[in-house]
N, C-alpha and C. Protein backbone atom coordinates (compact mmCIF):
# COMPACT_ATOMS: atom_id res chain seq x y z
N MET A 1 0.73 -1.16 -0.19
CA MET A 1 0.11 -0.19 0.02
C MET A 1 0.71 1.27 -0.04
N SER A 2 0.51 2.32 -0.79
CA SER A 2 1.19 3.40 -0.83
C SER A 2 0.87 4.34 0.29
N GLU A 3 1.66 5.07 0.68
CA GLU A 3 1.28 6.08 2.05
C GLU A 3 0.74 7.17 1.32
N HIS A 4 -0.50 7.49 1.97
CA HIS A 4 -1.20 8.81 1.49
C HIS A 4 -0.41 9.88 2.27
N ARG A 5 -0.14 11.09 1.60
CA ARG A 5 0.48 12.20 2.28
C ARG A 5 -0.40 13.35 2.16
N LYS A 6 -0.63 13.98 3.07
CA LYS A 6 -1.41 15.25 2.99
C LYS A 6 -0.50 16.51 2.47
N LYS A 7 -1.17 17.27 1.60
CA LYS A 7 -0.42 18.52 1.51
C LYS A 7 -0.25 19.47 2.67
N PRO A 8 1.02 19.95 2.72
CA PRO A 8 1.05 20.99 4.07
C PRO A 8 0.08 21.96 3.95
N ALA A 9 -0.36 22.31 4.98
CA ALA A 9 -1.31 23.40 5.11
C ALA A 9 -0.62 24.80 4.80
N THR A 10 -1.40 25.47 3.84
CA THR A 10 -0.88 26.98 3.55
C THR A 10 -1.73 27.84 4.20
N LYS A 11 -1.00 28.91 4.71
CA LYS A 11 -1.81 29.93 5.61
C LYS A 11 -2.22 30.76 4.48
N LEU A 12 -3.61 31.18 4.50
CA LEU A 12 -4.18 31.82 3.61
C LEU A 12 -3.90 33.52 4.35
N PRO A 13 -3.91 34.34 3.35
CA PRO A 13 -3.88 35.80 3.67
C PRO A 13 -5.05 36.37 4.71
N LYS A 14 -4.87 37.04 5.52
CA LYS A 14 -5.84 37.28 6.61
C LYS A 14 -6.98 38.05 5.97
N ASP A 15 -7.05 38.68 4.79
CA ASP A 15 -8.00 39.36 4.04
C ASP A 15 -9.00 38.23 3.34
N HIS A 16 -8.15 37.42 2.96
CA HIS A 16 -8.87 36.28 2.18
C HIS A 16 -9.91 35.44 3.19
N VAL A 17 -9.25 35.15 4.31
CA VAL A 17 -10.11 34.55 5.27
C VAL A 17 -11.21 35.23 5.79
N GLN A 18 -11.10 36.46 6.02
CA GLN A 18 -12.28 37.36 6.21
C GLN A 18 -13.27 37.52 5.15
N LYS A 19 -12.80 37.50 4.08
CA LYS A 19 -13.84 37.61 2.93
C LYS A 19 -14.69 36.24 2.84
N LEU A 20 -13.84 35.06 3.15
CA LEU A 20 -14.77 33.78 3.00
C LEU A 20 -15.53 33.81 4.25
N GLU A 21 -15.26 34.29 5.26
CA GLU A 21 -16.12 34.41 6.50
C GLU A 21 -17.35 35.23 6.15
N LYS A 22 -17.24 36.20 5.53
CA LYS A 22 -18.41 36.95 5.17
C LYS A 22 -19.18 36.43 4.05
N ILE A 23 -18.67 35.62 3.31
CA ILE A 23 -19.50 34.76 2.44
C ILE A 23 -20.17 33.82 2.87
N ALA A 24 -19.38 33.26 4.11
CA ALA A 24 -20.13 32.03 4.86
C ALA A 24 -21.46 32.64 5.53
N GLU A 25 -21.35 33.99 6.02
CA GLU A 25 -22.61 34.68 6.46
C GLU A 25 -23.62 34.83 5.54
N VAL A 26 -23.08 35.12 4.61
CA VAL A 26 -24.18 35.05 3.36
C VAL A 26 -24.83 34.00 2.92
N ILE A 27 -24.15 32.80 2.91
CA ILE A 27 -24.71 31.47 2.70
C ILE A 27 -25.63 31.32 3.86
N THR A 28 -25.37 31.41 4.92
CA THR A 28 -26.15 31.05 6.18
C THR A 28 -27.41 32.16 5.99
N LYS A 29 -27.41 33.06 5.74
CA LYS A 29 -28.45 34.04 5.43
C LYS A 29 -29.48 33.35 4.37
N TYR A 30 -28.95 32.83 3.43
CA TYR A 30 -29.88 32.26 2.26
C TYR A 30 -30.07 30.70 2.68
N GLU A 31 -29.84 30.45 3.84
CA GLU A 31 -30.00 29.13 4.35
C GLU A 31 -29.49 27.84 3.92
N ALA A 32 -28.26 28.11 3.17
CA ALA A 32 -27.54 27.27 2.36
C ALA A 32 -28.17 26.35 1.53
N LYS A 33 -29.29 26.93 0.60
CA LYS A 33 -30.04 26.36 -0.23
C LYS A 33 -29.30 26.57 -1.65
N PRO A 34 -29.17 25.42 -2.37
CA PRO A 34 -28.71 25.51 -3.74
C PRO A 34 -29.52 26.34 -4.71
N SER A 35 -31.11 26.35 -4.32
CA SER A 35 -31.54 27.22 -5.21
C SER A 35 -31.30 28.79 -5.08
N ASN A 36 -30.71 29.08 -4.11
CA ASN A 36 -30.43 30.59 -3.93
C ASN A 36 -28.85 30.76 -4.39
N LEU A 37 -28.39 29.83 -5.25
CA LEU A 37 -26.94 30.02 -5.74
C LEU A 37 -26.69 31.30 -6.38
N ILE A 38 -27.56 31.76 -7.39
CA ILE A 38 -27.40 32.93 -7.98
C ILE A 38 -27.26 34.17 -7.24
N MET A 39 -27.94 34.22 -5.96
CA MET A 39 -28.10 35.47 -5.19
C MET A 39 -26.64 35.42 -4.33
N ILE A 40 -26.38 34.09 -3.83
CA ILE A 40 -25.00 33.88 -3.10
C ILE A 40 -23.78 34.20 -3.87
N LEU A 41 -23.88 33.90 -5.24
CA LEU A 41 -22.49 34.27 -6.03
C LEU A 41 -22.62 35.68 -6.26
N HIS A 42 -23.70 36.23 -6.34
CA HIS A 42 -23.79 37.82 -6.71
C HIS A 42 -23.14 38.48 -5.42
N ALA A 43 -23.62 38.18 -4.40
CA ALA A 43 -23.08 38.84 -3.01
C ALA A 43 -21.73 38.29 -2.68
N ALA A 44 -21.32 37.23 -3.11
CA ALA A 44 -19.79 36.68 -2.89
C ALA A 44 -19.05 37.52 -3.84
N GLN A 45 -19.45 37.77 -5.14
CA GLN A 45 -18.61 38.65 -6.03
C GLN A 45 -18.53 39.80 -5.46
N GLY A 46 -19.47 40.53 -5.02
CA GLY A 46 -19.55 41.90 -4.11
C GLY A 46 -18.46 41.89 -3.22
N ILE A 47 -18.47 40.80 -2.52
CA ILE A 47 -17.37 40.64 -1.28
C ILE A 47 -15.82 40.59 -1.75
N TYR A 48 -15.81 39.57 -2.48
CA TYR A 48 -14.44 39.08 -3.05
C TYR A 48 -13.99 39.84 -4.15
N GLY A 49 -14.86 40.41 -4.99
CA GLY A 49 -14.41 41.14 -6.06
C GLY A 49 -14.39 40.36 -7.41
N TYR A 50 -14.35 39.20 -7.42
CA TYR A 50 -14.45 38.20 -8.32
C TYR A 50 -14.75 36.91 -7.95
N LEU A 51 -14.94 35.66 -8.66
CA LEU A 51 -15.26 34.67 -8.46
C LEU A 51 -14.17 33.38 -8.78
N PRO A 52 -12.99 33.57 -7.97
CA PRO A 52 -11.77 32.62 -8.61
C PRO A 52 -12.49 31.20 -8.03
N TYR A 53 -11.49 29.96 -8.58
CA TYR A 53 -11.87 28.75 -8.25
C TYR A 53 -12.04 28.37 -6.60
N VAL A 54 -11.09 29.11 -5.77
CA VAL A 54 -11.11 28.89 -4.28
C VAL A 54 -12.65 29.31 -3.73
N VAL A 55 -13.10 30.40 -4.32
CA VAL A 55 -14.47 30.86 -3.87
C VAL A 55 -15.54 29.94 -4.24
N GLN A 56 -15.46 29.55 -5.60
CA GLN A 56 -16.42 28.74 -6.25
C GLN A 56 -16.44 27.47 -5.20
N LYS A 57 -15.35 26.85 -5.11
CA LYS A 57 -15.25 25.58 -4.19
C LYS A 57 -15.89 25.58 -2.88
N PHE A 58 -15.47 26.82 -2.26
CA PHE A 58 -15.87 27.21 -0.94
C PHE A 58 -17.54 27.14 -0.89
N ILE A 59 -18.21 27.89 -1.90
CA ILE A 59 -19.65 27.97 -1.98
C ILE A 59 -19.93 26.58 -2.19
N ALA A 60 -19.37 25.87 -3.08
CA ALA A 60 -20.04 24.51 -3.42
C ALA A 60 -20.03 23.61 -2.03
N ASP A 61 -18.91 23.60 -1.34
CA ASP A 61 -18.76 22.87 -0.08
C ASP A 61 -19.80 23.40 0.88
N LYS A 62 -20.17 24.52 0.85
CA LYS A 62 -21.09 25.17 1.86
C LYS A 62 -22.46 24.55 1.55
N LEU A 63 -22.80 24.58 0.24
CA LEU A 63 -24.19 24.24 -0.22
C LEU A 63 -24.16 22.75 -0.61
N HIS A 64 -23.16 22.11 -0.28
CA HIS A 64 -22.94 20.35 -0.72
C HIS A 64 -23.62 20.28 -2.02
N ILE A 65 -23.07 20.86 -2.87
CA ILE A 65 -23.36 20.77 -4.38
C ILE A 65 -21.73 20.73 -4.93
N PRO A 66 -21.77 19.87 -6.02
CA PRO A 66 -20.57 19.89 -6.82
C PRO A 66 -20.12 21.14 -7.41
N VAL A 67 -18.76 21.40 -7.29
CA VAL A 67 -18.05 22.39 -7.81
C VAL A 67 -18.46 22.83 -9.36
N ALA A 68 -18.53 21.84 -10.11
CA ALA A 68 -18.96 22.02 -11.41
C ALA A 68 -20.26 22.86 -11.89
N GLU A 69 -21.17 22.47 -10.58
CA GLU A 69 -22.48 23.11 -10.92
C GLU A 69 -22.34 24.70 -10.53
N VAL A 70 -21.61 24.95 -9.60
CA VAL A 70 -21.36 26.40 -9.28
C VAL A 70 -20.69 27.00 -10.61
N SER A 71 -19.48 26.26 -10.91
CA SER A 71 -18.56 26.88 -12.04
C SER A 71 -19.51 27.00 -13.43
N GLY A 72 -20.49 25.91 -13.49
CA GLY A 72 -21.32 26.29 -14.95
C GLY A 72 -22.22 27.38 -14.67
N VAL A 73 -22.71 27.77 -13.65
CA VAL A 73 -23.46 29.03 -13.48
C VAL A 73 -22.55 30.19 -13.57
N VAL A 74 -21.41 30.18 -12.85
CA VAL A 74 -20.72 31.36 -13.20
C VAL A 74 -20.02 31.63 -14.47
N SER A 75 -19.78 30.48 -15.29
CA SER A 75 -19.53 30.65 -16.67
C SER A 75 -20.75 30.90 -17.55
N PHE A 76 -21.88 30.56 -17.09
CA PHE A 76 -22.94 30.82 -18.12
C PHE A 76 -23.22 32.50 -18.14
N TYR A 77 -23.37 32.87 -16.93
CA TYR A 77 -23.80 34.44 -16.68
C TYR A 77 -22.65 35.45 -16.91
N SER A 78 -22.91 36.25 -17.94
CA SER A 78 -21.63 37.44 -18.11
C SER A 78 -21.45 38.19 -16.99
N PHE A 79 -22.26 38.40 -16.04
CA PHE A 79 -22.17 39.21 -14.96
C PHE A 79 -21.08 38.73 -13.93
N PHE A 80 -20.87 37.42 -13.94
CA PHE A 80 -19.90 36.88 -12.96
C PHE A 80 -18.62 36.97 -13.65
N SER A 81 -17.55 37.16 -12.93
CA SER A 81 -16.06 37.09 -13.31
C SER A 81 -15.35 36.16 -12.59
N THR A 82 -14.34 35.23 -13.19
CA THR A 82 -13.44 34.57 -12.42
C THR A 82 -12.07 35.34 -12.41
N GLU A 83 -11.99 36.34 -13.03
CA GLU A 83 -10.69 37.03 -13.19
C GLU A 83 -10.81 38.49 -12.32
N SER A 84 -9.61 38.77 -11.78
CA SER A 84 -9.74 40.05 -10.89
C SER A 84 -10.08 41.09 -11.93
N LYS A 85 -10.82 42.20 -11.33
CA LYS A 85 -11.07 43.25 -12.08
C LYS A 85 -10.51 44.41 -11.65
N GLY A 86 -10.38 45.67 -12.41
CA GLY A 86 -9.90 46.86 -11.83
C GLY A 86 -10.85 47.63 -10.83
N GLU A 87 -10.33 48.50 -10.30
CA GLU A 87 -11.22 49.31 -9.32
C GLU A 87 -12.50 49.83 -9.92
N HIS A 88 -12.16 50.30 -11.31
CA HIS A 88 -13.54 50.64 -11.91
C HIS A 88 -13.74 49.87 -13.20
N THR A 89 -15.12 49.44 -13.36
CA THR A 89 -15.33 48.62 -14.52
C THR A 89 -16.07 49.59 -15.50
N ILE A 90 -15.71 49.52 -16.67
CA ILE A 90 -16.19 50.30 -17.71
C ILE A 90 -16.84 49.44 -18.80
N MET A 91 -18.24 49.59 -18.93
CA MET A 91 -19.10 48.65 -19.66
C MET A 91 -19.52 49.45 -20.79
N VAL A 92 -19.14 49.23 -22.06
CA VAL A 92 -19.73 49.62 -23.41
C VAL A 92 -20.69 48.93 -23.74
N CYS A 93 -22.07 49.61 -24.04
CA CYS A 93 -23.15 48.84 -24.45
C CYS A 93 -23.05 48.81 -25.81
N MET A 94 -23.37 47.60 -26.35
CA MET A 94 -23.11 47.06 -27.75
C MET A 94 -24.46 46.72 -28.29
N GLY A 95 -25.54 47.12 -27.60
CA GLY A 95 -26.89 46.84 -28.25
C GLY A 95 -27.07 47.68 -29.41
N THR A 96 -28.11 47.34 -30.15
CA THR A 96 -28.36 47.96 -31.49
C THR A 96 -28.42 49.39 -31.65
N ALA A 97 -29.15 50.10 -30.85
CA ALA A 97 -29.11 51.46 -30.71
C ALA A 97 -27.71 52.22 -30.56
N CYS A 98 -27.00 51.60 -29.48
CA CYS A 98 -25.53 52.02 -29.15
C CYS A 98 -24.58 51.87 -30.22
N TYR A 99 -24.59 50.61 -30.81
CA TYR A 99 -23.62 50.16 -31.95
C TYR A 99 -23.90 50.96 -33.03
N VAL A 100 -25.34 51.24 -33.62
CA VAL A 100 -25.43 52.12 -34.70
C VAL A 100 -25.13 53.46 -34.54
N ARG A 101 -24.92 54.10 -33.25
CA ARG A 101 -24.53 55.21 -33.05
C ARG A 101 -23.14 55.46 -32.83
N GLY A 102 -22.28 54.28 -32.72
CA GLY A 102 -20.82 54.46 -32.50
C GLY A 102 -20.26 53.79 -31.50
N ALA A 103 -20.80 52.80 -30.83
CA ALA A 103 -20.25 52.02 -29.70
C ALA A 103 -18.98 51.44 -30.16
N GLU A 104 -18.79 50.96 -31.24
CA GLU A 104 -17.48 50.33 -31.76
C GLU A 104 -16.37 51.33 -31.75
N LYS A 105 -16.60 52.69 -32.22
CA LYS A 105 -15.65 53.67 -32.08
C LYS A 105 -15.25 54.12 -30.65
N LEU A 106 -16.23 54.01 -29.78
CA LEU A 106 -16.14 54.14 -28.41
C LEU A 106 -15.35 53.12 -27.65
N VAL A 107 -15.35 52.01 -28.13
CA VAL A 107 -14.54 50.73 -27.56
C VAL A 107 -12.94 50.93 -28.15
N LYS A 108 -12.85 51.17 -29.45
CA LYS A 108 -11.58 51.72 -29.93
C LYS A 108 -10.72 52.55 -29.33
N GLY A 109 -11.51 53.74 -29.02
CA GLY A 109 -11.22 54.86 -28.40
C GLY A 109 -10.52 54.50 -26.94
N LEU A 110 -11.52 53.83 -26.25
CA LEU A 110 -11.13 53.42 -24.98
C LEU A 110 -9.89 52.38 -24.80
N GLU A 111 -9.79 51.63 -25.74
CA GLU A 111 -8.69 50.80 -25.80
C GLU A 111 -7.27 51.57 -26.02
N LYS A 112 -7.59 52.72 -26.81
CA LYS A 112 -6.45 53.26 -27.14
C LYS A 112 -6.06 54.18 -26.00
N HIS A 113 -6.93 55.04 -25.40
CA HIS A 113 -6.74 55.67 -24.13
C HIS A 113 -6.16 55.08 -23.17
N LEU A 114 -6.83 54.03 -22.75
CA LEU A 114 -6.25 52.96 -21.61
C LEU A 114 -5.39 52.14 -21.73
N ASN A 115 -4.94 51.95 -23.18
CA ASN A 115 -3.96 51.02 -23.52
C ASN A 115 -4.22 49.67 -22.93
N VAL A 116 -5.57 49.19 -23.32
CA VAL A 116 -5.94 47.78 -22.73
C VAL A 116 -6.83 47.45 -23.95
N GLU A 117 -7.08 45.96 -24.09
CA GLU A 117 -8.03 45.39 -24.71
C GLU A 117 -9.33 45.09 -24.17
N VAL A 118 -10.40 44.80 -24.70
CA VAL A 118 -11.52 44.56 -24.29
C VAL A 118 -11.47 43.27 -23.25
N ASP A 119 -12.07 43.33 -21.99
CA ASP A 119 -11.84 42.29 -21.06
C ASP A 119 -10.68 42.35 -20.40
N GLY A 120 -9.84 43.12 -20.64
CA GLY A 120 -8.73 43.31 -19.87
C GLY A 120 -8.50 44.61 -18.78
N THR A 121 -7.67 44.42 -17.86
CA THR A 121 -7.58 45.48 -16.74
C THR A 121 -6.16 46.29 -17.12
N THR A 122 -6.31 47.63 -17.02
CA THR A 122 -5.31 48.53 -17.09
C THR A 122 -4.03 48.10 -16.12
N GLU A 123 -3.01 48.33 -16.62
CA GLU A 123 -1.65 48.15 -15.80
C GLU A 123 -1.74 48.49 -14.35
N ASP A 124 -2.22 49.65 -14.26
CA ASP A 124 -2.22 50.06 -12.74
C ASP A 124 -3.45 49.64 -11.84
N GLY A 125 -4.20 48.96 -12.78
CA GLY A 125 -5.38 48.36 -12.07
C GLY A 125 -6.53 49.13 -11.80
N LYS A 126 -6.57 50.34 -12.39
CA LYS A 126 -7.54 51.16 -12.27
C LYS A 126 -8.82 50.79 -12.94
N PHE A 127 -8.95 50.44 -14.06
CA PHE A 127 -9.93 50.22 -15.08
C PHE A 127 -9.94 48.69 -15.62
N THR A 128 -11.08 48.13 -15.66
CA THR A 128 -11.36 46.88 -16.56
C THR A 128 -12.51 47.48 -17.62
N LEU A 129 -12.17 47.17 -18.83
CA LEU A 129 -13.00 47.35 -20.11
C LEU A 129 -13.77 46.24 -20.40
N CYS A 130 -14.93 46.23 -20.71
CA CYS A 130 -16.01 45.20 -21.11
C CYS A 130 -16.82 45.63 -21.94
N LYS A 131 -17.44 44.74 -22.82
CA LYS A 131 -18.45 45.04 -23.70
C LYS A 131 -19.85 44.53 -22.94
N ALA A 132 -20.95 45.02 -22.99
CA ALA A 132 -22.06 44.45 -22.66
C ALA A 132 -23.23 44.44 -23.74
N ARG A 133 -23.98 43.47 -23.75
CA ARG A 133 -24.98 43.31 -24.72
C ARG A 133 -26.02 44.39 -24.93
N CYS A 134 -26.34 44.76 -23.80
CA CYS A 134 -27.48 45.89 -23.72
C CYS A 134 -27.19 46.43 -22.16
N ILE A 135 -27.29 47.71 -21.97
CA ILE A 135 -27.49 48.27 -20.46
C ILE A 135 -28.74 48.75 -20.27
N GLY A 136 -29.63 48.87 -21.39
CA GLY A 136 -31.11 49.18 -21.23
C GLY A 136 -31.29 50.98 -21.17
N THR A 137 -30.47 51.47 -21.85
CA THR A 137 -30.40 52.97 -21.96
C THR A 137 -30.31 53.31 -23.45
N CYS A 138 -31.20 52.69 -24.24
CA CYS A 138 -31.20 52.98 -25.79
C CYS A 138 -31.35 54.37 -26.11
N GLY A 139 -32.17 55.18 -25.36
CA GLY A 139 -32.58 56.50 -25.66
C GLY A 139 -31.29 57.45 -25.40
N LEU A 140 -30.17 56.83 -24.92
CA LEU A 140 -29.31 57.61 -24.52
C LEU A 140 -27.82 57.32 -25.38
N ALA A 141 -27.85 56.37 -26.30
CA ALA A 141 -27.07 55.88 -27.27
C ALA A 141 -26.03 57.03 -27.81
N PRO A 142 -24.94 56.57 -27.95
CA PRO A 142 -24.25 55.41 -27.40
C PRO A 142 -23.85 55.55 -26.03
N ALA A 143 -23.95 54.57 -25.13
CA ALA A 143 -23.96 54.69 -23.66
C ALA A 143 -22.87 53.57 -23.30
N MET A 144 -22.34 54.18 -21.80
CA MET A 144 -21.42 53.12 -21.33
C MET A 144 -21.60 53.42 -19.78
N MET A 145 -21.36 52.32 -19.09
CA MET A 145 -21.38 52.67 -17.59
C MET A 145 -19.90 52.46 -17.00
N ILE A 146 -19.80 53.30 -15.86
CA ILE A 146 -18.54 53.19 -15.24
C ILE A 146 -19.11 52.94 -13.89
N ASP A 147 -18.85 51.70 -13.37
CA ASP A 147 -19.27 51.06 -12.40
C ASP A 147 -20.91 51.24 -12.26
N ASP A 148 -21.65 52.08 -11.47
CA ASP A 148 -22.99 52.12 -11.51
C ASP A 148 -23.47 53.46 -12.22
N THR A 149 -22.61 54.01 -12.79
CA THR A 149 -22.87 55.50 -13.36
C THR A 149 -23.20 55.33 -14.90
N VAL A 150 -24.10 55.75 -15.52
CA VAL A 150 -24.43 55.48 -16.86
C VAL A 150 -23.86 57.04 -17.47
N CYS A 151 -22.99 56.82 -18.59
CA CYS A 151 -22.76 57.98 -19.26
C CYS A 151 -23.32 58.00 -20.48
N LYS A 152 -24.19 59.11 -20.91
CA LYS A 152 -24.79 58.98 -22.13
C LYS A 152 -24.16 59.70 -23.38
N SER A 153 -24.91 59.40 -24.54
CA SER A 153 -24.20 60.10 -25.72
C SER A 153 -22.78 60.38 -25.73
N VAL A 154 -21.96 59.25 -25.32
CA VAL A 154 -20.51 59.23 -25.29
C VAL A 154 -20.03 59.24 -26.53
N ASN A 155 -18.86 59.95 -26.83
CA ASN A 155 -18.23 59.81 -28.19
C ASN A 155 -16.79 59.70 -27.59
N PRO A 156 -15.90 59.37 -28.62
CA PRO A 156 -14.31 59.25 -28.22
C PRO A 156 -13.83 60.59 -27.69
N ASN A 157 -14.40 61.74 -28.27
CA ASN A 157 -13.74 63.17 -27.73
C ASN A 157 -14.15 63.15 -26.21
N LYS A 158 -14.94 62.60 -25.74
CA LYS A 158 -15.45 62.91 -24.33
C LYS A 158 -14.73 61.80 -23.21
N LEU A 159 -14.18 60.81 -23.94
CA LEU A 159 -13.48 59.93 -22.91
C LEU A 159 -12.40 60.51 -21.81
N GLU A 160 -11.64 61.50 -22.36
CA GLU A 160 -10.76 61.89 -21.29
C GLU A 160 -11.46 62.71 -20.30
N SER A 161 -12.27 63.54 -20.40
CA SER A 161 -13.02 64.19 -19.56
C SER A 161 -13.83 63.41 -18.50
N ILE A 162 -14.33 62.13 -19.09
CA ILE A 162 -15.20 61.43 -18.48
C ILE A 162 -14.28 60.56 -17.50
N LEU A 163 -13.16 60.05 -18.04
CA LEU A 163 -12.19 59.24 -17.16
C LEU A 163 -11.39 59.99 -16.32
N SER A 164 -11.29 61.29 -16.44
CA SER A 164 -10.55 62.01 -15.42
C SER A 164 -11.21 62.14 -14.02
N LYS A 165 -12.69 61.70 -14.16
CA LYS A 165 -13.43 61.85 -12.65
C LYS A 165 -12.88 60.76 -12.03
N TYR A 166 -12.12 59.76 -12.50
CA TYR A 166 -12.11 58.54 -11.54
C TYR A 166 -10.54 58.39 -11.37
C-alpha cells in the first residue's frame, strides 16, 4: 500500500479568510439552499471582487453541491467574473441603438486611451474594459457605464473628460 500524504497547510492571507467568513455569513442568510446559488454568487462577487476557483469551491462545499455546478452558473452568466477586475469597471453597451450610433468607435477609443483590450485591466489596476450586450439605455445611445454610473451620448472626444473623474 502506498502511503497517503497530506499537502502541507498553506496559510491564507488574513483578508482572504475574512472575505470567506463574510461569504459564509451570506450563505447562512440564504439558508445554504442551492436554489439561492445565483444570489449567493452575486453577494460573494461583491465581497471578494470576483469568483476565483477557491471561492467557487468554498460555496459548493457549503451548499453541498458539486463545484462543477457552481462553475457552470458562473461561466454561463456574463455578470460573473473569474478574473480580478480593476478598481472601476467600464461597460460599453453594444446593443443595436448604441452600436448604430458608434459604440465600436467608443470601444476603440477606450482601448487606445487606456492601453488595454476588451476584457482586460489597465496596468495600474484602475480600469477593466468590457462590452455589454445591452445596458437598457437605448435613448441615451451610445452609452457606457462606469461602475453604476451611466454615461450618455458618449463619443471618443469625451473619454478623457469622463475618465478624469475616476
